[in-house]
């Protein structure tokens, strides 16, 4: 899926890709699960030429899909346990 928005000298392209987690990704073994990747690119145009380019990818969502990030509930439980240990010491 792709959307393009242009105004004055700026063009934004929104992309949505998909695939399957088939290989190791930052130490995470393949899960064979489907994955979706969202990104946005901003282009600055001057005199019919691209003079600037910025790119942003939704890495947080990608990490969650690979299992590299734990859920917020589990993270809260871990932080609560750590705080209990810190106070006990």
PDB file of N, CA and C in Angstrom:
ATOM      1  N   UNK A   1       0.850  -1.169   0.000  1.00  0.00           N
ATOM      2  CA  UNK A   1       0.000   0.000   0.000  1.00  0.00           C
ATOM      3  C   UNK A   1       0.895   1.231   0.000  1.00  0.00           C
ATOM      4  N   UNK A   2       0.495   2.217  -0.747  1.00  0.00           N
ATOM      5  CA  UNK A   2       1.301   3.416  -0.855  1.00  0.00           C
ATOM      6  C   UNK A   2       0.371   4.621  -0.975  1.00  0.00           C
ATOM      7  N   UNK A   3       0.694   5.676  -0.251  1.00  0.00           N
ATOM      8  CA  UNK A   3      -0.026   6.941  -0.374  1.00  0.00           C
ATOM      9  C   UNK A   3       0.998   8.038  -0.595  1.00  0.00           C
ATOM     10  N   UNK A   4       0.640   9.008  -1.425  1.00  0.00           N
ATOM     11  CA  UNK A   4       1.530  10.129  -1.708  1.00  0.00           C
ATOM     12  C   UNK A   4       0.764  11.421  -1.468  1.00  0.00           C
ATOM     13  N   UNK A   5       1.389  12.323  -0.706  1.00  0.00           N
ATOM     14  CA  UNK A   5       0.810  13.630  -0.433  1.00  0.00           C
ATOM     15  C   UNK A   5       1.847  14.678  -0.809  1.00  0.00           C
ATOM     16  N   UNK A   6       1.424  15.675  -1.587  1.00  0.00           N
ATOM     17  CA  UNK A   6       2.348  16.730  -2.011  1.00  0.00           C
ATOM     18  C   UNK A   6       1.730  18.091  -1.748  1.00  0.00           C
ATOM     19  N   UNK A   7       2.567  19.001  -1.263  1.00  0.00           N
ATOM     20  CA  UNK A   7       2.138  20.382  -1.059  1.00  0.00           C
ATOM     21  C   UNK A   7       3.355  21.282  -1.146  1.00  0.00           C
ATOM     22  N   UNK A   8       3.249  22.320  -1.953  1.00  0.00           N
ATOM     23  CA  UNK A   8       4.348  23.254  -2.184  1.00  0.00           C
ATOM     24  C   UNK A   8       5.594  22.492  -2.635  1.00  0.00           C
ATOM     25  N   UNK A   9       6.681  22.570  -1.855  1.00  0.00           N
ATOM     26  CA  UNK A   9       7.927  21.916  -2.268  1.00  0.00           C
ATOM     27  C   UNK A   9       8.202  20.618  -1.510  1.00  0.00           C
ATOM     28  N   UNK A  10       7.170  20.061  -0.854  1.00  0.00           N
ATOM     29  CA  UNK A  10       7.347  18.828  -0.075  1.00  0.00           C
ATOM     30  C   UNK A  10       6.448  17.710  -0.596  1.00  0.00           C
ATOM     31  N   UNK A  11       6.988  16.497  -0.618  1.00  0.00           N
ATOM     32  CA  UNK A  11       6.237  15.309  -1.008  1.00  0.00           C
ATOM     33  C   UNK A  11       6.461  14.252   0.071  1.00  0.00           C
ATOM     34  N   UNK A  12       5.374  13.665   0.566  1.00  0.00           N
ATOM     35  CA  UNK A  12       5.469  12.600   1.561  1.00  0.00           C
ATOM     36  C   UNK A  12       4.924  11.316   0.942  1.00  0.00           C
ATOM     37  N   UNK A  13       5.679  10.229   1.088  1.00  0.00           N
ATOM     38  CA  UNK A  13       5.278   8.924   0.584  1.00  0.00           C
ATOM     39  C   UNK A  13       5.137   7.989   1.780  1.00  0.00           C
ATOM     40  N   UNK A  14       3.956   7.438   1.968  1.00  0.00           N
ATOM     41  CA  UNK A  14       3.699   6.478   3.034  1.00  0.00           C
ATOM     42  C   UNK A  14       3.698   5.086   2.423  1.00  0.00           C
ATOM     43  N   UNK A  15       4.485   4.183   2.986  1.00  0.00           N
ATOM     44  CA  UNK A  15       4.602   2.820   2.460  1.00  0.00           C
ATOM     45  C   UNK A  15       4.213   1.802   3.523  1.00  0.00           C
ATOM     46  N   UNK A  16       3.655   0.691   3.082  1.00  0.00           N
ATOM     47  CA  UNK A  16       3.334  -0.412   3.976  1.00  0.00           C
ATOM     48  C   UNK A  16       3.741  -1.695   3.259  1.00  0.00           C
ATOM     49  N   UNK A  17       4.707  -2.397   3.817  1.00  0.00           N
ATOM     50  CA  UNK A  17       5.179  -3.632   3.209  1.00  0.00           C
ATOM     51  C   UNK A  17       4.896  -4.814   4.109  1.00  0.00           C
ATOM     52  N   UNK A  18       4.979  -5.994   3.537  1.00  0.00           N
ATOM     53  CA  UNK A  18       4.762  -7.195   4.343  1.00  0.00           C
ATOM     54  C   UNK A  18       5.703  -8.294   3.873  1.00  0.00           C
ATOM     55  N   UNK A  19       5.936  -9.241   4.760  1.00  0.00           N
ATOM     56  CA  UNK A  19       6.806 -10.362   4.446  1.00  0.00           C
ATOM     57  C   UNK A  19       6.710 -11.401   5.543  1.00  0.00           C
ATOM     58  N   UNK A  20       7.621 -12.340   5.519  1.00  0.00           N
ATOM     59  CA  UNK A  20       7.669 -13.404   6.519  1.00  0.00           C
ATOM     60  C   UNK A  20       9.034 -13.377   7.194  1.00  0.00           C
ATOM     61  N   UNK A  21       9.053 -13.482   8.503  1.00  0.00           N
ATOM     62  CA  UNK A  21      10.297 -13.483   9.278  1.00  0.00           C
ATOM     63  C   UNK A  21      10.989 -14.839   9.085  1.00  0.00           C
ATOM     64  N   UNK A  22      11.815 -14.942   8.027  1.00  0.00           N
ATOM     65  CA  UNK A  22      12.432 -16.207   7.655  1.00  0.00           C
ATOM     66  C   UNK A  22      13.880 -16.346   8.083  1.00  0.00           C
ATOM     67  N   UNK A  23      14.524 -15.270   8.451  1.00  0.00           N
ATOM     68  CA  UNK A  23      15.936 -15.341   8.824  1.00  0.00           C
ATOM     69  C   UNK A  23      16.176 -14.634  10.143  1.00  0.00           C
ATOM     70  N   UNK A  24      17.357 -14.843  10.706  1.00  0.00           N
ATOM     71  CA  UNK A  24      17.712 -14.190  11.967  1.00  0.00           C
ATOM     72  C   UNK A  24      17.676 -12.680  11.784  1.00  0.00           C
ATOM     73  N   UNK A  25      17.110 -11.992  12.757  1.00  0.00           N
ATOM     74  CA  UNK A  25      16.995 -10.533  12.720  1.00  0.00           C
ATOM     75  C   UNK A  25      17.471  -9.985  14.048  1.00  0.00           C
ATOM     76  N   UNK A  26      18.636  -9.377  14.060  1.00  0.00           N
ATOM     77  CA  UNK A  26      19.236  -8.819  15.280  1.00  0.00           C
ATOM     78  C   UNK A  26      19.242  -9.839  16.416  1.00  0.00           C
ATOM     79  N   UNK A  27      19.639 -11.052  16.119  1.00  0.00           N
ATOM     80  CA  UNK A  27      19.759 -12.086  17.137  1.00  0.00           C
ATOM     81  C   UNK A  27      18.475 -12.853  17.409  1.00  0.00           C
ATOM     82  N   UNK A  28      17.379 -12.457  16.785  1.00  0.00           N
ATOM     83  CA  UNK A  28      16.105 -13.159  16.976  1.00  0.00           C
ATOM     84  C   UNK A  28      15.991 -14.231  15.893  1.00  0.00           C
ATOM     85  N   UNK A  29      15.872 -15.502  16.277  1.00  0.00           N
ATOM     86  CA  UNK A  29      15.762 -16.567  15.268  1.00  0.00           C
ATOM     87  C   UNK A  29      14.462 -16.435  14.474  1.00  0.00           C
ATOM     88  N   UNK A  30      14.413 -17.008  13.279  1.00  0.00           N
ATOM     89  CA  UNK A  30      13.213 -16.919  12.445  1.00  0.00           C
ATOM     90  C   UNK A  30      11.981 -17.479  13.150  1.00  0.00           C
ATOM     91  N   UNK A  31      10.868 -16.753  13.015  1.00  0.00           N
ATOM     92  CA  UNK A  31       9.606 -17.207  13.607  1.00  0.00           C
ATOM     93  C   UNK A  31       8.647 -17.730  12.547  1.00  0.00           C
ATOM     94  N   UNK A  32       8.934 -17.447  11.290  1.00  0.00           N
ATOM     95  CA  UNK A  32       8.077 -17.803  10.153  1.00  0.00           C
ATOM     96  C   UNK A  32       6.707 -17.136  10.257  1.00  0.00           C
ATOM     97  N   UNK A  33       6.595 -16.085  11.057  1.00  0.00           N
ATOM     98  CA  UNK A  33       5.346 -15.335  11.195  1.00  0.00           C
ATOM     99  C   UNK A  33       5.302 -14.226  10.148  1.00  0.00           C
ATOM    100  N   UNK A  34       4.089 -13.858   9.714  1.00  0.00           N
ATOM    101  CA  UNK A  34       3.981 -12.717   8.811  1.00  0.00           C
ATOM    102  C   UNK A  34       4.309 -11.434   9.554  1.00  0.00           C
ATOM    103  N   UNK A  35       4.903 -10.483   8.830  1.00  0.00           N
ATOM    104  CA  UNK A  35       5.282  -9.209   9.433  1.00  0.00           C
ATOM    105  C   UNK A  35       4.838  -8.073   8.520  1.00  0.00           C
ATOM    106  N   UNK A  36       4.490  -6.953   9.117  1.00  0.00           N
ATOM    107  CA  UNK A  36       4.142  -5.745   8.379  1.00  0.00           C
ATOM    108  C   UNK A  36       5.120  -4.644   8.772  1.00  0.00           C
ATOM    109  N   UNK A  37       5.539  -3.887   7.786  1.00  0.00           N
ATOM    110  CA  UNK A  37       6.491  -2.802   8.021  1.00  0.00           C
ATOM    111  C   UNK A  37       5.900  -1.523   7.446  1.00  0.00           C
ATOM    112  N   UNK A  38       5.846  -0.477   8.273  1.00  0.00           N
ATOM    113  CA  UNK A  38       5.335   0.820   7.829  1.00  0.00           C
ATOM    114  C   UNK A  38       6.480   1.823   7.813  1.00  0.00           C
ATOM    115  N   UNK A  39       6.444   2.698   6.811  1.00  0.00           N
ATOM    116  CA  UNK A  39       7.472   3.735   6.739  1.00  0.00           C
ATOM    117  C   UNK A  39       6.909   4.970   6.044  1.00  0.00           C
ATOM    118  N   UNK A  40       7.644   6.061   6.186  1.00  0.00           N
ATOM    119  CA  UNK A  40       7.287   7.312   5.524  1.00  0.00           C
ATOM    120  C   UNK A  40       8.571   7.965   5.031  1.00  0.00           C
ATOM    121  N   UNK A  41       8.489   8.541   3.839  1.00  0.00           N
ATOM    122  CA  UNK A  41       9.628   9.262   3.271  1.00  0.00           C
ATOM    123  C   UNK A  41       9.177  10.665   2.912  1.00  0.00           C
ATOM    124  N   UNK A  42      10.003  11.642   3.244  1.00  0.00           N
ATOM    125  CA  UNK A  42       9.724  13.041   2.944  1.00  0.00           C
ATOM    126  C   UNK A  42      10.784  13.543   1.975  1.00  0.00           C
ATOM    127  N   UNK A  43      10.326  14.145   0.894  1.00  0.00           N
ATOM    128  CA  UNK A  43      11.231  14.689  -0.106  1.00  0.00           C
ATOM    129  C   UNK A  43      11.015  16.189  -0.223  1.00  0.00           C
ATOM    130  N   UNK A  44      12.100  16.946  -0.326  1.00  0.00           N
ATOM    131  CA  UNK A  44      12.026  18.373  -0.609  1.00  0.00           C
ATOM    132  C   UNK A  44      12.429  18.557  -2.069  1.00  0.00           C
ATOM    133  N   UNK A  45      11.613  19.286  -2.817  1.00  0.00           N
ATOM    134  CA  UNK A  45      11.831  19.480  -4.244  1.00  0.00           C
ATOM    135  C   UNK A  45      12.148  20.955  -4.507  1.00  0.00           C
ATOM    136  N   UNK A  46      13.222  21.204  -5.225  1.00  0.00           N
ATOM    137  CA  UNK A  46      13.580  22.560  -5.655  1.00  0.00           C
ATOM    138  C   UNK A  46      14.031  22.497  -7.110  1.00  0.00           C
ATOM    139  N   UNK A  47      13.459  23.352  -7.952  1.00  0.00           N
ATOM    140  CA  UNK A  47      13.804  23.392  -9.376  1.00  0.00           C
ATOM    141  C   UNK A  47      13.706  22.011 -10.026  1.00  0.00           C
ATOM    142  N   UNK A  48      12.630  21.301  -9.706  1.00  0.00           N
ATOM    143  CA  UNK A  48      12.344  19.982 -10.257  1.00  0.00           C
ATOM    144  C   UNK A  48      13.389  18.914  -9.888  1.00  0.00           C
ATOM    145  N   UNK A  49      14.105  19.136  -8.808  1.00  0.00           N
ATOM    146  CA  UNK A  49      15.097  18.167  -8.326  1.00  0.00           C
ATOM    147  C   UNK A  49      14.872  17.906  -6.837  1.00  0.00           C
ATOM    148  N   UNK A  50      15.186  16.687  -6.423  1.00  0.00           N
ATOM    149  CA  UNK A  50      15.106  16.349  -5.004  1.00  0.00           C
ATOM    150  C   UNK A  50      16.335  16.938  -4.314  1.00  0.00           C
ATOM    151  N   UNK A  51      16.100  17.835  -3.366  1.00  0.00           N
ATOM    152  CA  UNK A  51      17.208  18.473  -2.652  1.00  0.00           C
ATOM    153  C   UNK A  51      17.289  18.036  -1.191  1.00  0.00           C
ATOM    154  N   UNK A  52      16.299  17.290  -0.741  1.00  0.00           N
ATOM    155  CA  UNK A  52      16.324  16.775   0.622  1.00  0.00           C
ATOM    156  C   UNK A  52      15.521  15.501   0.715  1.00  0.00           C
ATOM    157  N   UNK A  53      15.936  14.614   1.615  1.00  0.00           N
ATOM    158  CA  UNK A  53      15.249  13.330   1.768  1.00  0.00           C
ATOM    159  C   UNK A  53      15.362  12.892   3.221  1.00  0.00           C
ATOM    160  N   UNK A  54      14.228  12.508   3.812  1.00  0.00           N
ATOM    161  CA  UNK A  54      14.189  11.981   5.171  1.00  0.00           C
ATOM    162  C   UNK A  54      13.358  10.711   5.163  1.00  0.00           C
ATOM    163  N   UNK A  55      13.738   9.750   5.998  1.00  0.00           N
ATOM    164  CA  UNK A  55      13.091   8.439   6.017  1.00  0.00           C
ATOM    165  C   UNK A  55      12.830   8.033   7.462  1.00  0.00           C
ATOM    166  N   UNK A  56      11.669   7.500   7.707  1.00  0.00           N
ATOM    167  CA  UNK A  56      11.328   7.014   9.047  1.00  0.00           C
ATOM    168  C   UNK A  56      10.586   5.690   8.906  1.00  0.00           C
ATOM    169  N   UNK A  57      11.040   4.679   9.674  1.00  0.00           N
ATOM    170  CA  UNK A  57      10.388   3.378   9.673  1.00  0.00           C
ATOM    171  C   UNK A  57       9.869   3.087  11.080  1.00  0.00           C
ATOM    172  N   UNK A  58       8.732   2.437  11.169  1.00  0.00           N
ATOM    173  CA  UNK A  58       8.132   2.075  12.451  1.00  0.00           C
ATOM    174  C   UNK A  58       8.883   0.884  13.040  1.00  0.00           C
ATOM    175  N   UNK A  59      10.062   1.155  13.592  1.00  0.00           N
ATOM    176  CA  UNK A  59      10.908   0.088  14.125  1.00  0.00           C
ATOM    177  C   UNK A  59      10.311  -0.545  15.376  1.00  0.00           C
ATOM    178  N   UNK A  60       9.616   0.239  16.174  1.00  0.00           N
ATOM    179  CA  UNK A  60       9.014  -0.299  17.403  1.00  0.00           C
ATOM    180  C   UNK A  60       8.054  -1.440  17.068  1.00  0.00           C
ATOM    181  N   UNK A  61       7.194  -1.219  16.088  1.00  0.00           N
ATOM    182  CA  UNK A  61       6.251  -2.260  15.676  1.00  0.00           C
ATOM    183  C   UNK A  61       6.982  -3.468  15.089  1.00  0.00           C
ATOM    184  N   UNK A  62       8.036  -3.225  14.333  1.00  0.00           N
ATOM    185  CA  UNK A  62       8.819  -4.320  13.754  1.00  0.00           C
ATOM    186  C   UNK A  62       9.446  -5.171  14.860  1.00  0.00           C
ATOM    187  N   UNK A  63      10.020  -4.525  15.863  1.00  0.00           N
ATOM    188  CA  UNK A  63      10.636  -5.257  16.980  1.00  0.00           C
ATOM    189  C   UNK A  63       9.584  -6.054  17.749  1.00  0.00           C
ATOM    190  N   UNK A  64       8.394  -5.489  17.926  1.00  0.00           N
ATOM    191  CA  UNK A  64       7.329  -6.223  18.620  1.00  0.00           C
ATOM    192  C   UNK A  64       6.942  -7.473  17.843  1.00  0.00           C
ATOM    193  N   UNK A  65       6.875  -7.380  16.522  1.00  0.00           N
ATOM    194  CA  UNK A  65       6.468  -8.521  15.707  1.00  0.00           C
ATOM    195  C   UNK A  65       7.501  -9.657  15.747  1.00  0.00           C
ATOM    196  N   UNK A  66       8.781  -9.323  15.901  1.00  0.00           N
ATOM    197  CA  UNK A  66       9.810 -10.357  15.958  1.00  0.00           C
ATOM    198  C   UNK A  66       9.909 -10.989  17.343  1.00  0.00           C
ATOM    199  N   UNK A  67       9.270 -10.357  18.327  1.00  0.00           N
ATOM    200  CA  UNK A  67       9.361 -10.849  19.697  1.00  0.00           C
ATOM    201  C   UNK A  67      10.530 -10.245  20.454  1.00  0.00           C
ATOM    202  N   UNK A  68      11.229  -9.297  19.845  1.00  0.00           N
ATOM    203  CA  UNK A  68      12.371  -8.669  20.508  1.00  0.00           C
ATOM    204  C   UNK A  68      11.916  -7.735  21.628  1.00  0.00           C
ATOM    205  N   UNK A  69      10.698  -7.227  21.539  1.00  0.00           N
ATOM    206  CA  UNK A  69      10.135  -6.392  22.598  1.00  0.00           C
ATOM    207  C   UNK A  69       9.050  -7.179  23.305  1.00  0.00           C
ATOM    208  N   UNK A  70       9.054  -7.110  24.611  1.00  0.00           N
ATOM    209  CA  UNK A  70       8.028  -7.797  25.382  1.00  0.00           C
ATOM    210  C   UNK A  70       6.832  -6.876  25.542  1.00  0.00           C
ATOM    211  N   UNK A  71       5.709  -7.426  25.925  1.00  0.00           N
ATOM    212  CA  UNK A  71       4.497  -6.629  26.079  1.00  0.00           C
ATOM    213  C   UNK A  71       4.658  -5.646  27.226  1.00  0.00           C
ATOM    214  N   UNK A  72       3.846  -4.602  27.206  1.00  0.00           N
ATOM    215  CA  UNK A  72       3.901  -3.593  28.265  1.00  0.00           C
ATOM    216  C   UNK A  72       3.558  -4.185  29.620  1.00  0.00           C
ATOM    217  N   UNK A  73       2.622  -5.153  29.665  1.00  0.00           N
ATOM    218  CA  UNK A  73       2.248  -5.783  30.932  1.00  0.00           C
ATOM    219  C   UNK A  73       3.430  -6.545  31.532  1.00  0.00           C
ATOM    220  N   UNK A  74       4.124  -7.321  30.706  1.00  0.00           N
ATOM    221  CA  UNK A  74       5.285  -8.077  31.194  1.00  0.00           C
ATOM    222  C   UNK A  74       6.378  -7.113  31.615  1.00  0.00           C
ATOM    223  N   UNK A  75       6.597  -6.053  30.836  1.00  0.00           N
ATOM    224  CA  UNK A  75       7.612  -5.071  31.178  1.00  0.00           C
ATOM    225  C   UNK A  75       7.299  -4.422  32.528  1.00  0.00           C
ATOM    226  N   UNK A  76       6.026  -4.103  32.795  1.00  0.00           N
ATOM    227  CA  UNK A  76       5.641  -3.500  34.075  1.00  0.00           C
ATOM    228  C   UNK A  76       5.916  -4.473  35.222  1.00  0.00           C
ATOM    229  N   UNK A  77       5.596  -5.749  35.019  1.00  0.00           N
ATOM    230  CA  UNK A  77       5.857  -6.749  36.059  1.00  0.00           C
ATOM    231  C   UNK A  77       7.353  -6.842  36.359  1.00  0.00           C
ATOM    232  N   UNK A  78       8.179  -6.820  35.317  1.00  0.00           N
ATOM    233  CA  UNK A  78       9.628  -6.876  35.524  1.00  0.00           C
ATOM    234  C   UNK A  78      10.134  -5.640  36.255  1.00  0.00           C
ATOM    235  N   UNK A  79       9.628  -4.476  35.887  1.00  0.00           N
ATOM    236  CA  UNK A  79      10.050  -3.238  36.543  1.00  0.00           C
ATOM    237  C   UNK A  79       9.604  -3.221  38.003  1.00  0.00           C
ATOM    238  N   UNK A  80       8.377  -3.693  38.283  1.00  0.00           N
ATOM    239  CA  UNK A  80       7.896  -3.764  39.672  1.00  0.00           C
ATOM    240  C   UNK A  80       8.775  -4.695  40.491  1.00  0.00           C
ATOM    241  N   UNK A  81       9.147  -5.839  39.926  1.00  0.00           N
ATOM    242  CA  UNK A  81      10.006  -6.790  40.639  1.00  0.00           C
ATOM    243  C   UNK A  81      11.381  -6.168  40.885  1.00  0.00           C
ATOM    244  N   UNK A  82      11.912  -5.470  39.899  1.00  0.00           N
ATOM    245  CA  UNK A  82      13.221  -4.833  40.075  1.00  0.00           C
ATOM    246  C   UNK A  82      13.170  -3.767  41.172  1.00  0.00           C
ATOM    247  N   UNK A  83      12.086  -2.976  41.180  1.00  0.00           N
ATOM    248  CA  UNK A  83      11.952  -1.963  42.211  1.00  0.00           C
ATOM    249  C   UNK A  83      11.842  -2.581  43.595  1.00  0.00           C
ATOM    250  N   UNK A  84      11.148  -3.712  43.714  1.00  0.00           N
ATOM    251  CA  UNK A  84      11.040  -4.400  44.996  1.00  0.00           C
ATOM    252  C   UNK A  84      12.403  -4.864  45.478  1.00  0.00           C
ATOM    253  N   UNK A  85      13.202  -5.390  44.569  1.00  0.00           N
ATOM    254  CA  UNK A  85      14.556  -5.840  44.928  1.00  0.00           C
ATOM    255  C   UNK A  85      15.419  -4.656  45.335  1.00  0.00           C
ATOM    256  N   UNK A  86      15.335  -3.557  44.585  1.00  0.00           N
ATOM    257  CA  UNK A  86      16.133  -2.364  44.898  1.00  0.00           C
ATOM    258  C   UNK A  86      15.790  -1.824  46.284  1.00  0.00           C
ATOM    259  N   UNK A  87      14.486  -1.826  46.629  1.00  0.00           N
ATOM    260  CA  UNK A  87      14.066  -1.320  47.941  1.00  0.00           C
ATOM    261  C   UNK A  87      14.492  -2.267  49.061  1.00  0.00           C
ATOM    262  N   UNK A  88      14.554  -3.564  48.768  1.00  0.00           N
ATOM    263  CA  UNK A  88      14.955  -4.546  49.778  1.00  0.00           C
ATOM    264  C   UNK A  88      16.425  -4.430  50.113  1.00  0.00           C
ATOM    265  N   UNK A  89      17.227  -3.961  49.146  1.00  0.00           N
ATOM    266  CA  UNK A  89      18.663  -3.844  49.370  1.00  0.00           C
ATOM    267  C   UNK A  89      18.912  -2.584  50.098  1.00  0.00           C
TER     268      UNK A  89
END
